[in-house]
Amino acid sequence: MLIRYKKAFEKIAMGLLSFMPTEKDLKKLQQTIKEYETNDKWHLFLWKLDDDFVAIIGVLERENQIMEVQHLSVNPSHRGQGIGKGMVKALKDMFPDKEIVPNEELAGFFEHCDQ
């Protein structure tokens, strides 16, 4: 289940984002979280499975009804279970009037999802 990010989830969100190769540096990670907290066009969601947050997805609202997925990360112990695909589907359901597209780094994952 997708849950919208709020400040109380900051440490969990940073931990999940840190699994992404582009978010290993602490300062970069803090900048990313701050952007999601302060920019109205950036939206961050956590995926809750049972009682734990196990994944995260972040999107940037672009022009022309496009939402670009900037970040997508699943806890390594929960990978291979379809959580990433589930998050993309839930995002499409949450924003039915928007086109959900990947950024360059996530394009390969999206191609895998469409199979």
N, C-alpha and C. Protein backbone atom coordinates (compact mmCIF):
# COMPACT_ATOMS: atom_id res chain seq x y z
N MET A 1 0.84 -1.18 0.00
CA MET A 1 0.00 0.00 0.00
C MET A 1 0.89 1.25 0.00
N LEU A 2 0.61 2.18 -0.92
CA LEU A 2 1.36 3.43 -0.99
C LEU A 2 0.87 4.41 0.07
N ILE A 3 1.82 5.00 0.77
CA ILE A 3 1.50 6.00 1.79
C ILE A 3 2.34 7.24 1.50
N ARG A 4 1.68 8.38 1.46
CA ARG A 4 2.38 9.64 1.17
C ARG A 4 3.40 9.94 2.27
N TYR A 5 4.56 10.40 1.87
CA TYR A 5 5.64 10.74 2.80
C TYR A 5 5.21 11.88 3.71
N LYS A 6 5.62 11.80 4.96
CA LYS A 6 5.51 12.93 5.88
C LYS A 6 6.78 12.96 6.72
N LYS A 7 7.04 14.07 7.35
CA LYS A 7 8.29 14.31 8.07
C LYS A 7 8.60 13.21 9.08
N ALA A 8 7.59 12.63 9.68
CA ALA A 8 7.79 11.56 10.67
C ALA A 8 8.47 10.34 10.06
N PHE A 9 8.40 10.20 8.75
CA PHE A 9 8.99 9.04 8.05
C PHE A 9 10.39 9.34 7.51
N GLU A 10 10.96 10.48 7.89
CA GLU A 10 12.22 10.94 7.29
C GLU A 10 13.35 9.90 7.37
N LYS A 11 13.60 9.34 8.53
CA LYS A 11 14.69 8.38 8.69
C LYS A 11 14.44 7.10 7.87
N ILE A 12 13.21 6.64 7.86
CA ILE A 12 12.85 5.45 7.08
C ILE A 12 13.05 5.75 5.59
N ALA A 13 12.58 6.92 5.15
CA ALA A 13 12.71 7.30 3.75
C ALA A 13 14.17 7.41 3.35
N MET A 14 14.99 8.02 4.18
CA MET A 14 16.41 8.15 3.87
C MET A 14 17.07 6.77 3.79
N GLY A 15 16.69 5.88 4.67
CA GLY A 15 17.24 4.52 4.65
C GLY A 15 16.89 3.80 3.36
N LEU A 16 15.64 3.91 2.94
CA LEU A 16 15.21 3.24 1.71
C LEU A 16 15.85 3.88 0.48
N LEU A 17 15.93 5.19 0.45
CA LEU A 17 16.56 5.87 -0.68
C LEU A 17 18.05 5.55 -0.77
N SER A 18 18.68 5.29 0.37
CA SER A 18 20.12 5.02 0.37
C SER A 18 20.49 3.73 -0.35
N PHE A 19 19.51 2.88 -0.64
CA PHE A 19 19.78 1.66 -1.43
C PHE A 19 20.01 1.99 -2.91
N MET A 20 19.65 3.21 -3.32
CA MET A 20 19.86 3.61 -4.72
C MET A 20 21.31 4.06 -4.91
N PRO A 21 21.94 3.65 -5.99
CA PRO A 21 23.34 4.03 -6.22
C PRO A 21 23.57 5.54 -6.24
N THR A 22 22.60 6.30 -6.72
CA THR A 22 22.77 7.75 -6.82
C THR A 22 22.55 8.47 -5.50
N GLU A 23 22.12 7.76 -4.48
CA GLU A 23 21.78 8.39 -3.20
C GLU A 23 22.65 7.87 -2.05
N LYS A 24 23.86 7.43 -2.33
CA LYS A 24 24.73 6.88 -1.29
C LYS A 24 25.31 7.96 -0.38
N ASP A 25 25.58 9.13 -0.94
CA ASP A 25 26.20 10.23 -0.19
C ASP A 25 25.16 10.88 0.73
N LEU A 26 25.52 11.04 2.01
CA LEU A 26 24.58 11.58 3.00
C LEU A 26 24.08 12.98 2.62
N LYS A 27 24.97 13.85 2.17
CA LYS A 27 24.54 15.21 1.81
C LYS A 27 23.56 15.18 0.63
N LYS A 28 23.84 14.34 -0.35
CA LYS A 28 22.95 14.19 -1.50
C LYS A 28 21.58 13.67 -1.04
N LEU A 29 21.61 12.70 -0.15
CA LEU A 29 20.38 12.12 0.40
C LEU A 29 19.56 13.17 1.14
N GLN A 30 20.21 13.99 1.95
CA GLN A 30 19.53 15.04 2.69
C GLN A 30 18.93 16.08 1.74
N GLN A 31 19.66 16.41 0.66
CA GLN A 31 19.14 17.35 -0.33
C GLN A 31 17.90 16.78 -1.02
N THR A 32 17.94 15.50 -1.33
CA THR A 32 16.81 14.85 -2.00
C THR A 32 15.57 14.90 -1.11
N ILE A 33 15.73 14.52 0.15
CA ILE A 33 14.60 14.55 1.09
C ILE A 33 14.06 15.97 1.23
N LYS A 34 14.95 16.94 1.35
CA LYS A 34 14.52 18.34 1.49
C LYS A 34 13.72 18.78 0.27
N GLU A 35 14.15 18.35 -0.92
CA GLU A 35 13.42 18.70 -2.15
C GLU A 35 12.00 18.12 -2.11
N TYR A 36 11.86 16.87 -1.67
CA TYR A 36 10.53 16.26 -1.56
C TYR A 36 9.67 16.97 -0.52
N GLU A 37 10.30 17.50 0.53
CA GLU A 37 9.55 18.17 1.59
C GLU A 37 9.12 19.59 1.20
N THR A 38 9.90 20.25 0.34
CA THR A 38 9.65 21.67 0.09
C THR A 38 9.11 21.99 -1.30
N ASN A 39 9.29 21.11 -2.27
CA ASN A 39 8.88 21.39 -3.64
C ASN A 39 7.52 20.73 -3.91
N ASP A 40 6.54 21.55 -4.26
CA ASP A 40 5.17 21.05 -4.50
C ASP A 40 5.08 20.11 -5.70
N LYS A 41 6.07 20.12 -6.55
CA LYS A 41 6.05 19.27 -7.75
C LYS A 41 6.72 17.92 -7.51
N TRP A 42 7.35 17.74 -6.37
CA TRP A 42 8.01 16.47 -6.02
C TRP A 42 7.13 15.73 -5.02
N HIS A 43 6.83 14.44 -5.30
CA HIS A 43 5.95 13.64 -4.45
C HIS A 43 6.67 12.34 -4.09
N LEU A 44 6.66 12.02 -2.81
CA LEU A 44 7.35 10.83 -2.32
C LEU A 44 6.34 9.93 -1.60
N PHE A 45 6.42 8.63 -1.89
CA PHE A 45 5.51 7.66 -1.29
C PHE A 45 6.30 6.46 -0.77
N LEU A 46 5.87 5.93 0.35
CA LEU A 46 6.46 4.72 0.91
C LEU A 46 5.50 3.57 0.71
N TRP A 47 6.04 2.37 0.58
CA TRP A 47 5.24 1.16 0.39
C TRP A 47 5.25 0.39 1.70
N LYS A 48 4.06 0.18 2.25
CA LYS A 48 3.93 -0.54 3.52
C LYS A 48 3.47 -1.96 3.25
N LEU A 49 4.22 -2.90 3.81
CA LEU A 49 3.91 -4.32 3.68
C LEU A 49 3.78 -4.85 5.10
N ASP A 50 2.63 -5.36 5.45
CA ASP A 50 2.32 -5.74 6.83
C ASP A 50 2.51 -4.50 7.70
N ASP A 51 3.47 -4.49 8.62
CA ASP A 51 3.69 -3.32 9.48
C ASP A 51 4.98 -2.59 9.17
N ASP A 52 5.65 -2.94 8.08
CA ASP A 52 6.95 -2.34 7.76
C ASP A 52 6.91 -1.58 6.45
N PHE A 53 7.68 -0.50 6.40
CA PHE A 53 7.91 0.20 5.15
C PHE A 53 9.07 -0.50 4.46
N VAL A 54 8.84 -1.01 3.26
CA VAL A 54 9.86 -1.82 2.59
C VAL A 54 10.33 -1.23 1.26
N ALA A 55 9.71 -0.14 0.80
CA ALA A 55 10.09 0.43 -0.48
C ALA A 55 9.65 1.89 -0.54
N ILE A 56 10.18 2.57 -1.56
CA ILE A 56 9.89 3.99 -1.72
C ILE A 56 9.87 4.34 -3.20
N ILE A 57 9.01 5.29 -3.56
CA ILE A 57 8.95 5.76 -4.94
C ILE A 57 8.73 7.27 -4.90
N GLY A 58 9.49 7.98 -5.73
CA GLY A 58 9.38 9.43 -5.79
C GLY A 58 9.18 9.90 -7.21
N VAL A 59 8.26 10.85 -7.39
CA VAL A 59 7.95 11.35 -8.72
C VAL A 59 8.04 12.87 -8.78
N LEU A 60 8.35 13.34 -9.97
CA LEU A 60 8.40 14.77 -10.26
C LEU A 60 7.27 15.08 -11.23
N GLU A 61 6.44 16.02 -10.82
CA GLU A 61 5.29 16.41 -11.66
C GLU A 61 5.79 17.36 -12.74
N ARG A 62 5.72 16.91 -13.98
CA ARG A 62 6.17 17.70 -15.13
C ARG A 62 4.95 18.34 -15.81
N GLU A 63 5.20 19.06 -16.88
CA GLU A 63 4.10 19.66 -17.65
C GLU A 63 3.39 18.59 -18.47
N ASN A 64 2.25 18.95 -19.03
CA ASN A 64 1.49 18.08 -19.93
C ASN A 64 1.03 16.78 -19.28
N GLN A 65 0.65 16.85 -18.01
CA GLN A 65 0.09 15.68 -17.31
C GLN A 65 1.08 14.51 -17.19
N ILE A 66 2.37 14.81 -17.11
CA ILE A 66 3.39 13.77 -17.00
C ILE A 66 3.98 13.78 -15.59
N MET A 67 4.10 12.59 -15.03
CA MET A 67 4.78 12.42 -13.75
C MET A 67 5.97 11.49 -14.00
N GLU A 68 7.16 12.00 -13.72
CA GLU A 68 8.38 11.26 -13.99
C GLU A 68 8.89 10.63 -12.69
N VAL A 69 9.06 9.32 -12.71
CA VAL A 69 9.57 8.62 -11.54
C VAL A 69 11.07 8.91 -11.44
N GLN A 70 11.45 9.55 -10.34
CA GLN A 70 12.84 9.94 -10.08
C GLN A 70 13.57 8.91 -9.23
N HIS A 71 12.86 8.34 -8.30
CA HIS A 71 13.44 7.39 -7.34
C HIS A 71 12.52 6.19 -7.19
N LEU A 72 13.13 5.02 -7.11
CA LEU A 72 12.39 3.80 -6.84
C LEU A 72 13.38 2.85 -6.17
N SER A 73 13.06 2.45 -4.96
CA SER A 73 13.98 1.61 -4.22
C SER A 73 13.19 0.63 -3.34
N VAL A 74 13.64 -0.62 -3.36
CA VAL A 74 13.03 -1.67 -2.54
C VAL A 74 14.11 -2.23 -1.62
N ASN A 75 13.77 -2.41 -0.37
CA ASN A 75 14.69 -3.02 0.58
C ASN A 75 15.20 -4.33 -0.02
N PRO A 76 16.52 -4.55 -0.03
CA PRO A 76 17.07 -5.77 -0.65
C PRO A 76 16.44 -7.07 -0.17
N SER A 77 16.02 -7.14 1.07
CA SER A 77 15.42 -8.38 1.58
C SER A 77 14.00 -8.61 1.05
N HIS A 78 13.44 -7.63 0.34
CA HIS A 78 12.09 -7.78 -0.21
C HIS A 78 12.08 -7.70 -1.74
N ARG A 79 13.23 -7.72 -2.35
CA ARG A 79 13.30 -7.64 -3.81
C ARG A 79 12.86 -8.95 -4.45
N GLY A 80 12.41 -8.85 -5.68
CA GLY A 80 11.99 -10.04 -6.42
C GLY A 80 10.59 -10.49 -6.08
N GLN A 81 9.84 -9.67 -5.35
CA GLN A 81 8.48 -10.04 -4.94
C GLN A 81 7.42 -9.22 -5.68
N GLY A 82 7.84 -8.42 -6.65
CA GLY A 82 6.89 -7.61 -7.41
C GLY A 82 6.50 -6.31 -6.74
N ILE A 83 7.22 -5.89 -5.73
CA ILE A 83 6.88 -4.66 -5.01
C ILE A 83 7.08 -3.44 -5.90
N GLY A 84 8.17 -3.40 -6.64
CA GLY A 84 8.42 -2.28 -7.54
C GLY A 84 7.31 -2.13 -8.57
N LYS A 85 6.92 -3.24 -9.17
CA LYS A 85 5.81 -3.23 -10.14
C LYS A 85 4.53 -2.78 -9.45
N GLY A 86 4.31 -3.25 -8.23
CA GLY A 86 3.12 -2.86 -7.48
C GLY A 86 3.06 -1.37 -7.19
N MET A 87 4.23 -0.80 -6.89
CA MET A 87 4.28 0.65 -6.62
C MET A 87 3.95 1.44 -7.88
N VAL A 88 4.49 1.03 -9.01
CA VAL A 88 4.21 1.72 -10.27
C VAL A 88 2.72 1.63 -10.60
N LYS A 89 2.13 0.45 -10.43
CA LYS A 89 0.70 0.27 -10.69
C LYS A 89 -0.14 1.14 -9.74
N ALA A 90 0.23 1.14 -8.45
CA ALA A 90 -0.51 1.94 -7.47
C ALA A 90 -0.42 3.43 -7.80
N LEU A 91 0.73 3.86 -8.29
CA LEU A 91 0.93 5.25 -8.69
C LEU A 91 0.03 5.59 -9.88
N LYS A 92 -0.05 4.67 -10.84
CA LYS A 92 -0.93 4.88 -12.00
C LYS A 92 -2.39 4.94 -11.57
N ASP A 93 -2.76 4.13 -10.59
CA ASP A 93 -4.13 4.14 -10.07
C ASP A 93 -4.42 5.43 -9.30
N MET A 94 -3.41 5.94 -8.59
CA MET A 94 -3.56 7.14 -7.78
C MET A 94 -3.68 8.40 -8.66
N PHE A 95 -3.01 8.37 -9.81
CA PHE A 95 -3.02 9.50 -10.72
C PHE A 95 -3.49 9.04 -12.11
N PRO A 96 -4.76 8.66 -12.25
CA PRO A 96 -5.23 8.09 -13.51
C PRO A 96 -5.19 9.06 -14.68
N ASP A 97 -5.21 10.36 -14.41
CA ASP A 97 -5.20 11.35 -15.48
C ASP A 97 -3.79 11.76 -15.89
N LYS A 98 -2.77 11.15 -15.27
CA LYS A 98 -1.37 11.49 -15.55
C LYS A 98 -0.68 10.32 -16.25
N GLU A 99 0.31 10.66 -17.05
CA GLU A 99 1.15 9.63 -17.65
C GLU A 99 2.37 9.43 -16.75
N ILE A 100 2.58 8.21 -16.29
CA ILE A 100 3.71 7.89 -15.41
C ILE A 100 4.85 7.40 -16.29
N VAL A 101 5.98 8.13 -16.26
CA VAL A 101 7.13 7.77 -17.08
C VAL A 101 8.37 7.68 -16.19
N PRO A 102 9.35 6.88 -16.59
CA PRO A 102 10.58 6.78 -15.79
C PRO A 102 11.59 7.85 -16.19
N ASN A 103 12.51 8.15 -15.27
CA ASN A 103 13.66 8.94 -15.67
C ASN A 103 14.62 7.99 -16.40
N GLU A 104 15.72 8.51 -16.86
CA GLU A 104 16.66 7.71 -17.64
C GLU A 104 17.17 6.49 -16.87
N GLU A 105 17.46 6.68 -15.59
CA GLU A 105 18.02 5.60 -14.77
C GLU A 105 17.04 4.45 -14.55
N LEU A 106 15.75 4.74 -14.57
CA LEU A 106 14.73 3.72 -14.28
C LEU A 106 14.05 3.16 -15.53
N ALA A 107 14.48 3.61 -16.71
CA ALA A 107 13.84 3.17 -17.95
C ALA A 107 13.89 1.65 -18.11
N GLY A 108 15.02 1.04 -17.79
CA GLY A 108 15.15 -0.42 -17.91
C GLY A 108 14.18 -1.15 -17.00
N PHE A 109 14.01 -0.65 -15.78
CA PHE A 109 13.07 -1.27 -14.86
C PHE A 109 11.64 -1.19 -15.41
N PHE A 110 11.27 -0.04 -15.96
CA PHE A 110 9.93 0.12 -16.52
C PHE A 110 9.69 -0.83 -17.68
N GLU A 111 10.71 -1.03 -18.51
CA GLU A 111 10.59 -1.98 -19.62
C GLU A 111 10.32 -3.39 -19.06
N HIS A 112 11.00 -3.73 -17.98
CA HIS A 112 10.81 -5.02 -17.31
C HIS A 112 9.38 -5.14 -16.75
N CYS A 113 8.84 -4.04 -16.23
CA CYS A 113 7.49 -4.03 -15.67
C CYS A 113 6.43 -4.29 -16.74
N ASP A 114 6.67 -3.82 -17.94
CA ASP A 114 5.68 -3.93 -19.01
C ASP A 114 5.61 -5.33 -19.62
N GLN A 115 6.53 -6.21 -19.26
CA GLN A 115 6.54 -7.55 -19.83
C GLN A 115 5.51 -8.43 -19.18
